[in-house]
């Protein structure tokens, strides 16, 4: 069986709410405030990916820590930026041959 891409939208809002233990209304609020943008089916139904579920978990954790929506948005953006920089660094490191250490 082929592994599913974590960006593939597969979950409806009811399932997403169960997976992250949040009310559907909270997920809709997070969406309305721009914390995530789920895919939509041809009929307009929200579809969430594994990446969306992870983002919802992080948002719920930050909310539990007392951050407001603006704070949650900023932290999530910074976490995403950090992950992108780490990926770029890893890719650059993989392309660059290892430097030899000087021998003594």
N, C-alpha and C. Protein backbone atom coordinates (compact mmCIF):
# COMPACT_ATOMS: atom_id res chain seq x y z
N UNK A 1 0.83 -1.18 0.00
CA UNK A 1 0.00 0.00 0.00
C UNK A 1 0.88 1.24 0.00
N UNK A 2 0.51 2.23 -0.79
CA UNK A 2 1.26 3.47 -0.90
C UNK A 2 0.95 4.38 0.27
N UNK A 3 1.98 5.00 0.80
CA UNK A 3 1.79 5.93 1.91
C UNK A 3 1.07 7.18 1.41
N UNK A 4 0.15 7.67 2.21
CA UNK A 4 -0.60 8.86 1.86
C UNK A 4 0.22 10.10 2.20
N UNK A 5 0.16 11.07 1.33
CA UNK A 5 0.81 12.36 1.56
C UNK A 5 0.09 13.05 2.71
N UNK A 6 0.82 13.65 3.63
CA UNK A 6 0.22 14.29 4.80
C UNK A 6 -0.59 15.54 4.42
N UNK A 7 -0.46 15.99 3.19
CA UNK A 7 -1.23 17.16 2.74
C UNK A 7 -2.55 16.78 2.07
N UNK A 8 -2.80 15.48 1.92
CA UNK A 8 -4.02 15.02 1.26
C UNK A 8 -5.23 15.26 2.17
N UNK A 9 -6.22 16.03 1.71
CA UNK A 9 -7.39 16.30 2.54
C UNK A 9 -8.35 15.10 2.54
N UNK A 10 -8.55 14.52 3.72
CA UNK A 10 -9.38 13.32 3.80
C UNK A 10 -10.44 13.37 4.89
N UNK A 11 -10.30 14.23 5.88
CA UNK A 11 -11.21 14.22 7.03
C UNK A 11 -12.25 15.33 6.93
N UNK A 12 -13.49 14.99 7.24
CA UNK A 12 -14.53 16.00 7.39
C UNK A 12 -14.36 16.70 8.72
N UNK A 13 -15.12 17.76 8.94
CA UNK A 13 -14.96 18.55 10.16
C UNK A 13 -15.33 17.75 11.41
N UNK A 14 -16.32 16.86 11.31
CA UNK A 14 -16.71 16.07 12.49
C UNK A 14 -15.57 15.15 12.92
N UNK A 15 -14.93 14.53 11.96
CA UNK A 15 -13.81 13.63 12.27
C UNK A 15 -12.62 14.44 12.79
N UNK A 16 -12.35 15.57 12.15
CA UNK A 16 -11.25 16.43 12.60
C UNK A 16 -11.48 16.86 14.04
N UNK A 17 -12.71 17.23 14.36
CA UNK A 17 -13.04 17.66 15.73
C UNK A 17 -12.77 16.54 16.73
N UNK A 18 -13.11 15.32 16.36
CA UNK A 18 -12.85 14.18 17.25
C UNK A 18 -11.35 13.94 17.39
N UNK A 19 -10.61 14.03 16.29
CA UNK A 19 -9.18 13.76 16.32
C UNK A 19 -8.42 14.75 17.20
N UNK A 20 -8.87 15.99 17.24
CA UNK A 20 -8.16 17.01 18.01
C UNK A 20 -8.88 17.38 19.31
N UNK A 21 -10.00 16.74 19.54
CA UNK A 21 -10.79 16.97 20.76
C UNK A 21 -11.16 18.44 20.93
N UNK A 22 -11.69 19.02 19.85
CA UNK A 22 -12.18 20.39 19.85
C UNK A 22 -13.60 20.41 19.31
N UNK A 23 -14.41 21.35 19.75
CA UNK A 23 -15.73 21.49 19.13
C UNK A 23 -15.59 21.97 17.68
N UNK A 24 -16.53 21.57 16.85
CA UNK A 24 -16.51 22.00 15.46
C UNK A 24 -16.53 23.53 15.37
N UNK A 25 -17.25 24.17 16.27
CA UNK A 25 -17.33 25.64 16.25
C UNK A 25 -15.96 26.27 16.45
N UNK A 26 -15.13 25.66 17.28
CA UNK A 26 -13.78 26.19 17.50
C UNK A 26 -12.94 26.04 16.23
N UNK A 27 -13.10 24.92 15.56
CA UNK A 27 -12.37 24.72 14.30
C UNK A 27 -12.81 25.76 13.27
N UNK A 28 -14.11 26.02 13.20
CA UNK A 28 -14.61 27.05 12.28
C UNK A 28 -14.07 28.43 12.66
N UNK A 29 -13.99 28.71 13.96
CA UNK A 29 -13.42 29.98 14.43
C UNK A 29 -11.97 30.10 13.99
N UNK A 30 -11.19 29.05 14.24
CA UNK A 30 -9.78 29.06 13.83
C UNK A 30 -9.67 29.32 12.33
N UNK A 31 -10.55 28.69 11.56
CA UNK A 31 -10.53 28.89 10.12
C UNK A 31 -10.90 30.33 9.78
N UNK A 32 -11.92 30.88 10.41
CA UNK A 32 -12.35 32.25 10.09
C UNK A 32 -11.28 33.27 10.44
N UNK A 33 -10.43 32.94 11.40
CA UNK A 33 -9.35 33.85 11.80
C UNK A 33 -8.06 33.58 11.03
N UNK A 34 -8.10 32.66 10.09
CA UNK A 34 -6.96 32.42 9.22
C UNK A 34 -5.89 31.50 9.77
N UNK A 35 -6.20 30.75 10.84
CA UNK A 35 -5.20 29.85 11.40
C UNK A 35 -4.97 28.63 10.52
N UNK A 36 -5.95 28.28 9.71
CA UNK A 36 -5.78 27.22 8.73
C UNK A 36 -6.79 27.41 7.63
N UNK A 37 -6.50 26.81 6.49
CA UNK A 37 -7.39 26.88 5.34
C UNK A 37 -7.58 25.46 4.82
N UNK A 38 -8.67 24.82 5.22
CA UNK A 38 -8.89 23.46 4.76
C UNK A 38 -9.26 23.43 3.29
N UNK A 39 -9.04 22.30 2.67
CA UNK A 39 -9.48 22.11 1.29
C UNK A 39 -11.00 22.02 1.29
N UNK A 40 -11.59 22.17 0.15
CA UNK A 40 -13.04 22.04 0.00
C UNK A 40 -13.34 21.01 -1.09
N UNK A 41 -14.36 20.20 -0.83
CA UNK A 41 -14.81 19.26 -1.85
C UNK A 41 -15.56 20.03 -2.93
N UNK A 42 -15.93 19.37 -4.00
CA UNK A 42 -16.69 20.02 -5.07
C UNK A 42 -17.99 20.61 -4.53
N UNK A 43 -18.54 19.97 -3.51
CA UNK A 43 -19.78 20.46 -2.90
C UNK A 43 -19.56 21.51 -1.83
N UNK A 44 -18.32 21.87 -1.53
CA UNK A 44 -18.02 22.90 -0.56
C UNK A 44 -17.75 22.40 0.85
N UNK A 45 -17.74 21.08 1.03
CA UNK A 45 -17.49 20.52 2.36
C UNK A 45 -16.02 20.65 2.72
N UNK A 46 -15.75 21.05 3.96
CA UNK A 46 -14.37 21.16 4.42
C UNK A 46 -13.73 19.78 4.46
N UNK A 47 -12.47 19.73 4.05
CA UNK A 47 -11.69 18.49 4.12
C UNK A 47 -10.33 18.84 4.72
N UNK A 48 -9.97 18.12 5.78
CA UNK A 48 -8.74 18.39 6.51
C UNK A 48 -7.72 17.30 6.25
N UNK A 49 -6.48 17.71 6.11
CA UNK A 49 -5.36 16.78 5.91
C UNK A 49 -4.72 16.45 7.25
N UNK A 50 -3.81 15.50 7.24
CA UNK A 50 -3.04 15.21 8.45
C UNK A 50 -2.25 16.44 8.91
N UNK A 51 -1.74 17.22 7.95
CA UNK A 51 -1.03 18.46 8.31
C UNK A 51 -1.97 19.44 8.99
N UNK A 52 -3.21 19.54 8.49
CA UNK A 52 -4.20 20.42 9.12
C UNK A 52 -4.50 19.95 10.54
N UNK A 53 -4.62 18.65 10.73
CA UNK A 53 -4.91 18.09 12.05
C UNK A 53 -3.78 18.44 13.01
N UNK A 54 -2.55 18.32 12.56
CA UNK A 54 -1.40 18.66 13.41
C UNK A 54 -1.42 20.15 13.75
N UNK A 55 -1.75 20.98 12.79
CA UNK A 55 -1.83 22.43 13.04
C UNK A 55 -2.94 22.73 14.05
N UNK A 56 -4.07 22.06 13.93
CA UNK A 56 -5.15 22.24 14.90
C UNK A 56 -4.71 21.82 16.30
N UNK A 57 -3.96 20.73 16.38
CA UNK A 57 -3.46 20.29 17.69
C UNK A 57 -2.55 21.34 18.32
N UNK A 58 -1.66 21.89 17.48
CA UNK A 58 -0.76 22.92 17.99
C UNK A 58 -1.54 24.15 18.43
N UNK A 59 -2.55 24.54 17.65
CA UNK A 59 -3.37 25.70 18.00
C UNK A 59 -4.12 25.45 19.31
N UNK A 60 -4.67 24.26 19.47
CA UNK A 60 -5.40 23.92 20.70
C UNK A 60 -4.46 23.95 21.91
N UNK A 61 -3.26 23.46 21.73
CA UNK A 61 -2.28 23.48 22.82
C UNK A 61 -1.93 24.92 23.22
N UNK A 62 -1.72 25.76 22.23
CA UNK A 62 -1.40 27.16 22.50
C UNK A 62 -2.58 27.88 23.16
N UNK A 63 -3.78 27.55 22.73
CA UNK A 63 -4.97 28.13 23.35
C UNK A 63 -5.06 27.70 24.81
N UNK A 64 -4.75 26.43 25.06
CA UNK A 64 -4.74 25.93 26.43
C UNK A 64 -3.69 26.61 27.28
N UNK A 65 -2.62 27.09 26.64
CA UNK A 65 -1.56 27.82 27.36
C UNK A 65 -1.95 29.27 27.62
N UNK A 66 -3.11 29.68 27.12
CA UNK A 66 -3.61 31.02 27.38
C UNK A 66 -3.39 32.04 26.29
N UNK A 67 -2.89 31.64 25.13
CA UNK A 67 -2.69 32.59 24.04
C UNK A 67 -4.01 32.93 23.38
N UNK A 68 -4.13 34.17 22.93
CA UNK A 68 -5.31 34.56 22.17
C UNK A 68 -5.09 34.18 20.70
N UNK A 69 -6.11 34.42 19.87
CA UNK A 69 -6.04 34.00 18.47
C UNK A 69 -4.85 34.65 17.75
N UNK A 70 -4.62 35.94 17.99
CA UNK A 70 -3.50 36.63 17.33
C UNK A 70 -2.17 36.01 17.76
N UNK A 71 -2.02 35.68 19.03
CA UNK A 71 -0.81 35.04 19.51
C UNK A 71 -0.62 33.66 18.91
N UNK A 72 -1.70 32.91 18.84
CA UNK A 72 -1.65 31.57 18.24
C UNK A 72 -1.21 31.68 16.79
N UNK A 73 -1.78 32.62 16.06
CA UNK A 73 -1.43 32.80 14.65
C UNK A 73 0.05 33.11 14.51
N UNK A 74 0.56 33.99 15.35
CA UNK A 74 1.98 34.38 15.26
C UNK A 74 2.89 33.20 15.57
N UNK A 75 2.58 32.46 16.63
CA UNK A 75 3.41 31.31 17.01
C UNK A 75 3.37 30.26 15.90
N UNK A 76 2.20 29.97 15.36
CA UNK A 76 2.11 28.97 14.29
C UNK A 76 2.91 29.40 13.07
N UNK A 77 2.81 30.69 12.71
CA UNK A 77 3.58 31.20 11.57
C UNK A 77 5.08 31.06 11.82
N UNK A 78 5.52 31.39 13.03
CA UNK A 78 6.94 31.26 13.36
C UNK A 78 7.39 29.80 13.36
N UNK A 79 6.55 28.90 13.86
CA UNK A 79 6.89 27.48 13.84
C UNK A 79 7.00 26.97 12.41
N UNK A 80 6.07 27.41 11.55
CA UNK A 80 6.13 27.00 10.14
C UNK A 80 7.37 27.55 9.45
N UNK A 81 7.69 28.81 9.74
CA UNK A 81 8.89 29.42 9.16
C UNK A 81 10.15 28.68 9.63
N UNK A 82 10.20 28.36 10.90
CA UNK A 82 11.34 27.63 11.46
C UNK A 82 11.47 26.26 10.79
N UNK A 83 10.36 25.56 10.62
CA UNK A 83 10.40 24.24 9.97
C UNK A 83 10.90 24.36 8.53
N UNK A 84 10.46 25.41 7.83
CA UNK A 84 10.92 25.62 6.46
C UNK A 84 12.42 25.90 6.40
N UNK A 85 12.91 26.70 7.33
CA UNK A 85 14.34 26.99 7.38
C UNK A 85 15.15 25.73 7.70
N UNK A 86 14.63 24.92 8.61
CA UNK A 86 15.32 23.66 8.94
C UNK A 86 15.37 22.73 7.73
N UNK A 87 14.25 22.65 7.00
CA UNK A 87 14.22 21.82 5.79
C UNK A 87 15.22 22.32 4.76
N UNK A 88 15.29 23.64 4.59
CA UNK A 88 16.25 24.21 3.64
C UNK A 88 17.68 23.93 4.07
N UNK A 89 17.94 24.05 5.36
CA UNK A 89 19.28 23.77 5.88
C UNK A 89 19.64 22.30 5.68
N UNK A 90 18.69 21.42 5.97
CA UNK A 90 18.93 19.99 5.77
C UNK A 90 19.22 19.67 4.31
N UNK A 91 18.47 20.31 3.40
CA UNK A 91 18.68 20.09 1.97
C UNK A 91 20.06 20.61 1.54
N UNK A 92 20.43 21.77 2.05
CA UNK A 92 21.75 22.33 1.72
C UNK A 92 22.87 21.46 2.28
N UNK A 93 22.69 20.97 3.49
CA UNK A 93 23.69 20.11 4.12
C UNK A 93 23.84 18.81 3.33
N UNK A 94 22.74 18.28 2.83
CA UNK A 94 22.79 17.04 2.05
C UNK A 94 23.52 17.25 0.72
N UNK A 95 23.43 18.47 0.15
CA UNK A 95 24.09 18.75 -1.13
C UNK A 95 25.56 19.08 -0.97
N UNK A 96 25.96 19.56 0.19
CA UNK A 96 27.33 20.00 0.42
C UNK A 96 28.17 18.84 0.92
N UNK A 97 29.29 18.57 0.24
CA UNK A 97 30.15 17.48 0.73
C UNK A 97 30.71 17.81 2.11
N UNK A 98 30.87 16.79 2.88
CA UNK A 98 31.40 16.97 4.24
C UNK A 98 32.83 17.51 4.15
N UNK A 99 33.12 18.48 4.96
CA UNK A 99 34.48 19.01 5.00
C UNK A 99 35.33 18.12 5.86
N UNK A 100 36.54 17.97 5.42
CA UNK A 100 37.46 17.16 6.20
C UNK A 100 37.97 17.96 7.38
N UNK A 101 38.06 17.29 8.48
CA UNK A 101 38.63 17.93 9.67
C UNK A 101 40.16 17.88 9.55
N UNK A 102 40.80 18.94 9.98
CA UNK A 102 42.27 18.93 9.91
C UNK A 102 42.81 17.86 10.87
N UNK A 103 43.82 17.17 10.42
CA UNK A 103 44.45 16.17 11.26
C UNK A 103 45.58 16.80 12.06
N UNK A 104 45.81 16.27 13.19
CA UNK A 104 46.88 16.81 14.05
C UNK A 104 48.06 15.92 14.03
